[in-house]
Amino acid sequence: MRALVRWHLFWPCLTLALLIALNAVVNPGFLAFEWRDGHLYGNLVDILNRAAPLALVATGMTLVIAARGLDISVGAVVAISAAVAAVMIGGSLSLGDAEAVSRFPMWLAILAALAIALACGLWNGALVVGVGMQPIIATLILMVAGRGVAQLVTGGQIITIYYPPYAYLGNGFLAGLPFAAVLAAAVIALTQLLLSRTPLGLYVRAIGINPVAARIAGIRAKPITLALYGFCGLLAGVAGLIVSSNVRSADANNAGQLLELDAILAVTLGGTALTGGRFSLVGTALGALIIQTLTTTIYSLGVPPEVNLVFKAALIFIVMLLQSPEFRAGIVRLARQPGA
């Protein structure tokens, strides 16, 4: 039992299981699935679909944090990516048959949005490793300016996307499962494979634990860190495409709003150390599912909108305390005191 409790994924798995169980009690049909029109439907499927953008952003954030960095601009990058794709695809209908018309080929719009998101990540990385700025300051610049950039791209308007093929990214199905969830799972699996089957995972851990020692050992810390920031920006761009596809529009003000905070929460809930070195992509995916399931739980319990953020913060605070070895050790010492 002790070995199970010490497993780094024990508390995230337990938290997710308890949230699912609570929802099942509140809503008896919560665990039900339905196969309709060749697609799988159900509350758990919806959670997977809605957690996909957060899981993607949190995956990139995990690697940046593992290398002693931080990126609080991912929400703005989501907005920029969504804005670029929306403007290039456009929101116009032909008058003759009311058929949606795309201004540019969809593949080109997606490629441009991802390229700009990658450039945003590389910009952050260049400020950190090239100029020597603190990560929080370097990414704060783009966090502040990014939404202004997205506003300039969209002309300050909410751009509606009528093009049906684009909606597949956020609302389509692949092999009966939501495409967004399948895409997020594939990205996480491929990233995990890359980190575990190549020296890159060891390099990232070494940079996070001791950058000076890593440099002395011959690890090229700066190019690796720059690449990690670029990868984080790229995944934020993918999340922006999914978000804009899901709601069929791009809103520079609200797209990705506070997503950077949820991403950091998902990373920490999954057991990644904010001091760098120790990380878990599977734990991060669980953290994203916990946050989305928690949101569903809040709505199921009928928590008033004005207090749902407080309720969410309180539950996450409790979970983080339970994950802390120092806190658990303190509780054990307190229980063993005479007269306790």
Protein backbone atom coordinates (compact mmCIF):
# COMPACT_ATOMS: atom_id res chain seq x y z
CA MET A 1 0.00 0.00 0.00
CA ARG A 2 2.85 2.39 0.83
CA ALA A 3 4.40 1.76 -2.57
CA LEU A 4 1.08 2.59 -4.21
CA VAL A 5 0.72 5.84 -2.27
CA ARG A 6 4.27 6.81 -3.19
CA TRP A 7 3.56 6.27 -6.90
CA HIS A 8 3.77 9.69 -8.52
CA LEU A 9 0.43 9.23 -10.31
CA PHE A 10 -1.50 7.88 -7.31
CA TRP A 11 -3.00 11.17 -6.16
CA PRO A 12 -3.95 12.44 -9.63
CA CYS A 13 -5.61 9.09 -10.41
CA LEU A 14 -7.41 9.05 -7.07
CA THR A 15 -8.60 12.65 -7.50
CA LEU A 16 -9.94 11.96 -10.98
CA ALA A 17 -11.66 8.78 -9.81
CA LEU A 18 -13.33 10.58 -6.89
CA LEU A 19 -14.56 13.39 -9.13
CA ILE A 20 -16.02 10.89 -11.60
CA ALA A 21 -17.66 8.99 -8.74
CA LEU A 22 -19.15 12.21 -7.34
CA ASN A 23 -20.60 13.06 -10.74
CA ALA A 24 -22.00 9.54 -11.04
CA VAL A 25 -23.77 9.99 -7.70
CA VAL A 26 -25.18 13.40 -8.62
CA ASN A 27 -26.10 12.31 -12.14
CA PRO A 28 -26.93 8.57 -12.38
CA GLY A 29 -26.53 8.63 -16.16
CA PHE A 30 -23.10 10.24 -16.03
CA LEU A 31 -21.20 7.06 -16.91
CA ALA A 32 -23.56 6.04 -19.70
CA PHE A 33 -22.32 5.78 -23.29
CA GLU A 34 -24.28 5.80 -26.52
CA TRP A 35 -23.21 4.77 -29.98
CA ARG A 36 -25.05 6.87 -32.52
CA ASP A 37 -24.37 7.54 -36.20
CA GLY A 38 -21.02 5.79 -35.92
CA HIS A 39 -19.88 8.02 -33.04
CA LEU A 40 -19.49 7.48 -29.32
CA TYR A 41 -21.40 9.93 -27.12
CA GLY A 42 -21.45 10.42 -23.35
CA ASN A 43 -20.36 12.71 -20.54
CA LEU A 44 -16.90 11.16 -20.32
CA VAL A 45 -16.46 11.58 -24.08
CA ASP A 46 -17.42 15.26 -23.72
CA ILE A 47 -14.84 15.68 -20.95
CA LEU A 48 -12.14 14.16 -23.17
CA ASN A 49 -13.09 16.47 -26.02
CA ARG A 50 -13.22 19.65 -23.94
CA ALA A 51 -9.99 18.83 -22.11
CA ALA A 52 -8.03 18.39 -25.37
CA PRO A 53 -6.94 22.05 -25.84
CA LEU A 54 -5.83 22.31 -22.21
CA ALA A 55 -3.98 18.98 -22.43
CA LEU A 56 -2.08 20.19 -25.50
CA VAL A 57 -1.10 23.52 -23.95
CA ALA A 58 -0.17 21.83 -20.67
CA THR A 59 2.05 19.33 -22.50
CA GLY A 60 4.16 22.12 -23.92
CA MET A 61 4.12 23.90 -20.57
CA THR A 62 5.36 20.73 -18.86
CA LEU A 63 8.55 20.61 -20.89
CA VAL A 64 9.21 24.32 -20.46
CA ILE A 65 8.75 24.06 -16.69
CA ALA A 66 10.89 20.91 -16.60
CA ALA A 67 13.75 23.00 -18.00
CA ARG A 68 13.28 25.65 -15.28
CA GLY A 69 11.21 27.90 -17.52
CA LEU A 70 7.67 29.23 -17.62
CA ASP A 71 5.35 30.44 -20.36
CA ILE A 72 2.41 32.58 -19.32
CA SER A 73 1.76 33.76 -22.88
CA VAL A 74 0.13 30.53 -24.13
CA GLY A 75 -3.39 31.96 -23.78
CA ALA A 76 -2.45 34.88 -26.02
CA VAL A 77 -0.83 32.53 -28.53
CA VAL A 78 -4.08 30.55 -28.62
CA ALA A 79 -5.90 33.78 -29.50
CA ILE A 80 -3.35 34.71 -32.19
CA SER A 81 -3.49 31.28 -33.80
CA ALA A 82 -7.30 31.29 -33.82
CA ALA A 83 -7.36 34.81 -35.26
CA VAL A 84 -4.96 34.02 -38.10
CA ALA A 85 -6.84 30.87 -39.10
CA ALA A 86 -10.23 32.60 -38.89
CA VAL A 87 -9.16 35.56 -41.02
CA MET A 88 -7.52 33.37 -43.66
CA ILE A 89 -10.48 30.98 -43.88
CA GLY A 90 -12.95 33.82 -43.59
CA GLY A 91 -16.60 34.07 -42.76
CA SER A 92 -18.38 34.63 -46.05
CA LEU A 93 -21.19 32.84 -47.89
CA SER A 94 -21.78 32.79 -51.62
CA LEU A 95 -25.09 34.42 -52.44
CA GLY A 96 -26.19 31.84 -54.96
CA ASP A 97 -26.38 28.67 -52.92
CA ALA A 98 -25.42 29.89 -49.44
CA GLU A 99 -22.38 27.63 -49.53
CA ALA A 100 -19.42 28.47 -47.30
CA VAL A 101 -16.40 29.84 -49.13
CA SER A 102 -12.84 29.84 -47.80
CA ARG A 103 -10.58 32.78 -48.67
CA PHE A 104 -7.47 30.57 -48.67
CA PRO A 105 -7.07 26.77 -48.76
CA MET A 106 -7.66 25.40 -45.27
CA TRP A 107 -4.29 23.65 -45.16
CA LEU A 108 -2.56 26.96 -45.84
CA ALA A 109 -4.54 28.74 -43.10
CA ILE A 110 -3.68 25.99 -40.60
CA LEU A 111 -0.02 26.03 -41.61
CA ALA A 112 0.17 29.82 -41.28
CA ALA A 113 -1.50 29.79 -37.86
CA LEU A 114 0.87 27.09 -36.60
CA ALA A 115 3.91 28.85 -38.06
CA ILE A 116 3.02 32.08 -36.27
CA ALA A 117 2.40 30.18 -33.02
CA LEU A 118 5.80 28.50 -33.41
CA ALA A 119 7.39 31.90 -34.02
CA CYS A 120 5.77 33.22 -30.83
CA GLY A 121 7.26 30.35 -28.85
CA LEU A 122 10.68 30.87 -30.39
CA TRP A 123 10.43 34.60 -29.59
CA ASN A 124 9.86 33.75 -25.93
CA GLY A 125 12.74 31.31 -25.98
CA ALA A 126 15.05 33.84 -27.62
CA LEU A 127 14.32 36.37 -24.89
CA VAL A 128 15.06 33.76 -22.22
CA VAL A 129 18.18 32.06 -23.59
CA GLY A 130 19.49 34.82 -25.85
CA VAL A 131 18.77 38.03 -23.96
CA GLY A 132 18.80 36.43 -20.52
CA MET A 133 15.39 37.63 -19.33
CA GLN A 134 13.58 35.86 -16.53
CA PRO A 135 11.03 33.48 -18.10
CA ILE A 136 8.04 35.09 -16.39
CA ILE A 137 9.07 38.55 -17.65
CA ALA A 138 9.93 37.37 -21.15
CA THR A 139 6.60 35.63 -21.61
CA LEU A 140 4.67 38.39 -19.85
CA ILE A 141 5.59 40.68 -22.76
CA LEU A 142 3.80 38.44 -25.26
CA MET A 143 0.99 37.75 -22.81
CA VAL A 144 0.23 41.48 -22.74
CA ALA A 145 0.91 42.23 -26.40
CA GLY A 146 -0.45 38.99 -27.85
CA ARG A 147 -4.11 39.81 -27.48
CA GLY A 148 -3.43 43.20 -29.04
CA VAL A 149 -1.83 41.40 -31.97
CA ALA A 150 -4.89 39.13 -32.24
CA GLN A 151 -7.12 42.22 -32.15
CA LEU A 152 -5.14 43.76 -35.00
CA VAL A 153 -5.45 40.56 -37.04
CA THR A 154 -9.23 40.40 -36.58
CA GLY A 155 -9.78 44.16 -36.76
CA GLY A 156 -11.24 44.10 -33.27
CA GLN A 157 -14.14 41.92 -34.41
CA ILE A 158 -15.29 38.42 -33.59
CA ILE A 159 -14.68 36.49 -36.82
CA THR A 160 -17.26 33.79 -37.51
CA ILE A 161 -16.04 30.73 -39.41
CA TYR A 162 -18.68 29.24 -41.71
CA TYR A 163 -16.42 26.77 -43.51
CA PRO A 164 -17.69 23.25 -42.54
CA PRO A 165 -14.41 21.31 -43.02
CA TYR A 166 -12.72 23.53 -40.44
CA ALA A 167 -15.32 22.55 -37.85
CA TYR A 168 -13.99 18.99 -38.00
CA LEU A 169 -10.96 19.94 -35.91
CA GLY A 170 -13.03 20.68 -32.82
CA ASN A 171 -16.26 18.83 -33.52
CA GLY A 172 -15.34 15.92 -35.78
CA PHE A 173 -14.89 12.25 -34.93
CA LEU A 174 -12.16 9.77 -35.80
CA ALA A 175 -12.84 6.06 -35.30
CA GLY A 176 -15.90 7.02 -33.26
CA LEU A 177 -13.96 9.27 -30.84
CA PRO A 178 -13.65 13.09 -30.84
CA PHE A 179 -10.88 14.09 -33.23
CA ALA A 180 -9.54 16.71 -30.80
CA ALA A 181 -9.13 14.09 -28.06
CA VAL A 182 -7.45 11.65 -30.45
CA LEU A 183 -5.10 14.40 -31.65
CA ALA A 184 -4.17 15.39 -28.09
CA ALA A 185 -3.56 11.76 -27.11
CA ALA A 186 -1.39 11.21 -30.19
CA VAL A 187 0.69 14.32 -29.49
CA ILE A 188 1.21 13.34 -25.85
CA ALA A 189 2.08 9.75 -26.79
CA LEU A 190 4.57 10.80 -29.49
CA THR A 191 6.17 13.36 -27.17
CA GLN A 192 6.47 10.76 -24.41
CA LEU A 193 8.01 8.32 -26.88
CA LEU A 194 10.51 10.93 -28.04
CA LEU A 195 11.52 11.76 -24.46
CA SER A 196 11.81 8.15 -23.33
CA ARG A 197 13.49 6.62 -26.39
CA THR A 198 16.00 9.39 -27.09
CA PRO A 199 18.48 11.28 -24.89
CA LEU A 200 16.22 14.35 -25.02
CA GLY A 201 14.33 13.35 -21.88
CA LEU A 202 17.58 12.99 -19.95
CA TYR A 203 18.81 16.33 -21.29
CA VAL A 204 15.63 18.11 -20.21
CA ARG A 205 15.87 16.63 -16.72
CA ALA A 206 19.55 17.56 -16.47
CA ILE A 207 18.88 21.16 -17.53
CA GLY A 208 16.06 21.43 -15.00
CA ILE A 209 18.02 19.95 -12.12
CA ASN A 210 21.26 21.88 -12.66
CA PRO A 211 21.77 23.98 -15.81
CA VAL A 212 25.42 24.73 -14.98
CA ALA A 213 26.29 21.07 -14.51
CA ALA A 214 24.40 20.18 -17.67
CA ARG A 215 26.42 22.73 -19.65
CA ILE A 216 29.69 21.43 -18.20
CA ALA A 217 28.62 17.90 -19.14
CA GLY A 218 28.36 19.02 -22.76
CA ILE A 219 24.59 19.37 -23.02
CA ARG A 220 23.60 22.24 -25.33
CA ALA A 221 21.14 23.77 -22.92
CA LYS A 222 20.33 26.93 -24.89
CA PRO A 223 19.25 25.31 -28.18
CA ILE A 224 17.24 22.69 -26.29
CA THR A 225 15.51 25.32 -24.16
CA LEU A 226 14.79 27.41 -27.26
CA ALA A 227 13.26 24.35 -28.94
CA LEU A 228 11.10 23.62 -25.89
CA TYR A 229 9.66 27.14 -25.94
CA GLY A 230 9.01 26.78 -29.66
CA PHE A 231 7.24 23.46 -29.07
CA CYS A 232 5.14 25.05 -26.33
CA GLY A 233 4.08 27.83 -28.69
CA LEU A 234 3.32 25.31 -31.45
CA LEU A 235 1.02 23.27 -29.20
CA ALA A 236 -0.72 26.46 -28.07
CA GLY A 237 -1.31 27.16 -31.76
CA VAL A 238 -2.88 23.72 -32.22
CA ALA A 239 -5.10 24.39 -29.21
CA GLY A 240 -6.14 27.70 -30.78
CA LEU A 241 -7.25 25.90 -33.93
CA ILE A 242 -9.32 23.43 -31.90
CA VAL A 243 -10.91 26.16 -29.76
CA SER A 244 -11.86 28.33 -32.74
CA SER A 245 -13.12 25.28 -34.63
CA ASN A 246 -15.23 24.19 -31.68
CA VAL A 247 -17.06 27.52 -31.35
CA ARG A 248 -16.78 28.31 -35.10
CA SER A 249 -15.33 31.74 -34.40
CA ALA A 250 -12.26 33.61 -33.21
CA ASP A 251 -12.60 36.05 -30.31
CA ALA A 252 -9.31 37.83 -29.64
CA ASN A 253 -10.48 38.95 -26.20
CA ASN A 254 -11.75 35.64 -24.83
CA ALA A 255 -10.03 32.83 -26.74
CA GLY A 256 -7.62 31.13 -24.36
CA GLN A 257 -8.48 33.50 -21.51
CA LEU A 258 -6.71 32.30 -18.31
CA LEU A 259 -5.69 29.11 -20.12
CA GLU A 260 -2.11 29.64 -19.00
CA LEU A 261 -3.20 29.37 -15.37
CA ASP A 262 -5.17 26.17 -16.00
CA ALA A 263 -2.15 24.77 -17.84
CA ILE A 264 0.15 25.47 -14.90
CA LEU A 265 -2.42 23.89 -12.57
CA ALA A 266 -2.63 20.80 -14.79
CA VAL A 267 1.16 20.52 -14.78
CA THR A 268 1.42 20.77 -10.99
CA LEU A 269 -1.55 18.47 -10.40
CA GLY A 270 0.25 15.89 -12.53
CA GLY A 271 3.28 15.94 -10.26
CA THR A 272 5.71 18.07 -12.29
CA ALA A 273 8.03 20.11 -10.09
CA LEU A 274 7.93 23.86 -10.76
CA THR A 275 11.61 23.95 -9.78
CA GLY A 276 12.44 21.85 -12.84
CA GLY A 277 13.91 18.43 -13.47
CA ARG A 278 10.98 16.19 -12.49
CA PHE A 279 8.07 15.96 -14.91
CA SER A 280 5.36 13.59 -16.11
CA LEU A 281 3.43 14.01 -19.35
CA VAL A 282 0.93 11.34 -18.30
CA GLY A 283 0.44 13.20 -15.03
CA THR A 284 -0.14 16.42 -16.95
CA ALA A 285 -2.81 14.73 -19.07
CA LEU A 286 -4.46 13.52 -15.87
CA GLY A 287 -4.24 17.06 -14.50
CA ALA A 288 -6.05 18.42 -17.56
CA LEU A 289 -8.76 15.79 -17.15
CA ILE A 290 -9.07 16.66 -13.44
CA ILE A 291 -9.60 20.34 -14.22
CA GLN A 292 -12.20 19.63 -16.91
CA THR A 293 -13.98 17.05 -14.73
CA LEU A 294 -13.93 19.51 -11.86
CA THR A 295 -15.58 22.11 -14.09
CA THR A 296 -18.25 19.57 -15.00
CA THR A 297 -18.72 18.73 -11.31
CA ILE A 298 -19.21 22.38 -10.40
CA TYR A 299 -21.94 22.72 -13.01
CA SER A 300 -23.55 19.44 -11.92
CA LEU A 301 -23.69 20.55 -8.30
CA GLY A 302 -25.36 23.81 -9.31
CA VAL A 303 -22.67 26.01 -7.79
CA PRO A 304 -23.56 29.66 -8.52
CA PRO A 305 -21.37 31.19 -11.25
CA GLU A 306 -20.16 33.95 -8.95
CA VAL A 307 -18.52 31.47 -6.56
CA ASN A 308 -17.48 28.65 -8.90
CA LEU A 309 -13.91 29.96 -9.24
CA VAL A 310 -13.58 30.04 -5.45
CA PHE A 311 -14.97 26.51 -5.24
CA LYS A 312 -12.56 25.36 -7.93
CA ALA A 313 -9.59 26.99 -6.22
CA ALA A 314 -10.51 25.44 -2.84
CA LEU A 315 -10.68 21.92 -4.26
CA ILE A 316 -7.40 22.32 -6.14
CA PHE A 317 -5.79 23.67 -2.96
CA ILE A 318 -6.88 20.54 -1.08
CA VAL A 319 -5.58 18.26 -3.82
CA MET A 320 -2.22 20.02 -3.87
CA LEU A 321 -1.93 19.67 -0.09
CA LEU A 322 -2.60 15.94 -0.34
CA GLN A 323 0.07 15.65 -3.02
CA SER A 324 2.67 17.35 -0.79
CA PRO A 325 4.92 14.79 0.98
CA GLU A 326 5.82 17.43 3.61
CA PHE A 327 2.16 18.06 4.41
CA ARG A 328 1.37 14.35 4.70
CA ALA A 329 4.46 13.79 6.87
CA GLY A 330 3.37 16.67 9.12
CA ILE A 331 -0.10 15.13 9.53
CA VAL A 332 1.48 11.78 10.46
CA ARG A 333 3.76 13.42 13.05
CA LEU A 334 0.80 15.29 14.50
CA ALA A 335 -1.23 12.11 14.77
CA ARG A 336 1.61 10.32 16.57
CA GLN A 337 2.02 12.98 19.24
CA PRO A 338 0.94 11.91 22.76
CA GLY A 339 -2.65 12.86 23.48
CA ALA A 340 -3.45 13.40 19.80
